[in-house]
C-alpha cells in the first residue's frame, strides 16, 4: 500500500468474525511480535516469507500464490491454499 511516497505492508490478522489491519513500513517478524506478543495461534496461513514462519502452535498452512497475487484476488486465493506436504 502507498503511504505518502513510500510502500508499506498491510498486515491482516483474522479470526472467525473479526480482523485487525496493521500498516507497517516493513514485513519483518517484529510486526507480528508487536501484535501477538508471547501469544501464539493454533493455525497460521501465509506465503513462504521467513517472517511468517514459526508462529503457529499446531499447523502452518502455506500458500505461495498469495505473494504473486494482486491485492484484489488475495482474499479469494487465501481460501484455495494447499497444505504443505
Protein backbone atom coordinates (compact mmCIF):
# COMPACT_ATOMS: atom_id res chain seq x y z
CA UNK A 1 0.00 0.00 0.00
CA UNK A 2 1.18 3.58 -0.53
CA UNK A 3 1.71 5.81 2.49
CA UNK A 4 2.95 9.21 1.42
CA UNK A 5 5.58 8.43 -1.20
CA UNK A 6 6.60 5.07 0.26
CA UNK A 7 5.46 1.48 0.00
CA UNK A 8 4.16 -0.07 3.22
CA UNK A 9 2.80 -3.53 4.05
CA UNK A 10 -0.78 -4.09 5.14
CA UNK A 11 -0.92 -6.92 7.66
CA UNK A 12 -4.24 -8.67 8.30
CA UNK A 13 -4.77 -10.71 11.46
CA UNK A 14 -8.07 -12.56 11.14
CA UNK A 15 -10.08 -14.86 13.38
CA UNK A 16 -13.68 -16.00 12.88
CA UNK A 17 -15.75 -12.82 12.52
CA UNK A 18 -13.09 -10.23 13.37
CA UNK A 19 -9.96 -8.80 11.77
CA UNK A 20 -7.21 -6.32 12.68
CA UNK A 21 -5.38 -4.38 9.98
CA UNK A 22 -1.91 -3.00 10.67
CA UNK A 23 0.03 -0.80 8.23
CA UNK A 24 3.79 -1.12 8.68
CA UNK A 25 6.90 0.14 6.90
CA UNK A 26 8.39 -3.35 6.86
CA UNK A 27 7.45 -7.01 6.65
CA UNK A 28 9.68 -8.34 9.43
CA UNK A 29 8.76 -10.64 12.32
CA UNK A 30 8.79 -7.55 14.53
CA UNK A 31 5.35 -6.55 13.21
CA UNK A 32 3.84 -9.91 14.14
CA UNK A 33 5.58 -9.97 17.51
CA UNK A 34 4.41 -6.43 18.33
CA UNK A 35 0.82 -7.55 17.72
CA UNK A 36 0.88 -11.07 19.21
CA UNK A 37 3.43 -10.62 21.99
CA UNK A 38 4.06 -14.03 23.55
CA UNK A 39 0.69 -15.47 22.48
CA UNK A 40 0.68 -17.90 19.52
CA UNK A 41 -2.29 -19.00 17.40
CA UNK A 42 -3.03 -22.67 16.73
CA UNK A 43 -3.07 -22.10 12.97
CA UNK A 44 -1.32 -19.69 10.61
CA UNK A 45 -1.83 -19.11 6.85
CA UNK A 46 0.80 -17.24 4.86
CA UNK A 47 3.23 -17.25 1.99
CA UNK A 48 6.72 -18.71 2.50
CA UNK A 49 8.35 -15.49 3.67
CA UNK A 50 10.62 -16.14 6.66
CA UNK A 51 8.93 -13.52 8.83
CA UNK A 52 5.71 -15.52 8.57
CA UNK A 53 7.19 -18.85 9.64
CA UNK A 54 7.08 -20.35 13.13
CA UNK A 55 4.03 -18.60 14.59
CA UNK A 56 1.53 -21.48 14.71
CA UNK A 57 1.43 -23.89 17.63
CA UNK A 58 -0.35 -26.66 15.68
CA UNK A 59 -0.17 -26.14 11.90
CA UNK A 60 1.09 -23.66 9.35
CA UNK A 61 -0.74 -23.62 6.03
CA UNK A 62 1.46 -22.25 3.21
CA UNK A 63 0.18 -20.58 0.07
CA UNK A 64 2.85 -19.42 -2.35
CA UNK A 65 0.22 -17.99 -4.70
CA UNK A 66 -0.67 -15.21 -2.25
CA UNK A 67 2.67 -13.49 -2.75
CA UNK A 68 2.22 -13.19 -6.50
CA UNK A 69 -1.47 -12.24 -6.50
CA UNK A 70 -2.86 -8.77 -6.91
CA UNK A 71 -4.47 -7.20 -3.88
CA UNK A 72 -7.92 -7.72 -5.43
CA UNK A 73 -7.55 -11.50 -5.52
CA UNK A 74 -5.59 -12.25 -2.33
CA UNK A 75 -8.64 -12.90 -0.17
CA UNK A 76 -10.03 -15.31 -2.78
CA UNK A 77 -6.73 -17.16 -3.13
CA UNK A 78 -6.35 -17.50 0.62
CA UNK A 79 -9.23 -19.96 0.58
CA UNK A 80 -7.51 -22.06 -2.14
CA UNK A 81 -4.14 -22.59 -0.47
CA UNK A 82 -2.79 -26.09 -0.15
CA UNK A 83 -1.29 -27.61 2.96
CA UNK A 84 2.43 -28.33 2.96
CA UNK A 85 3.45 -31.91 2.20
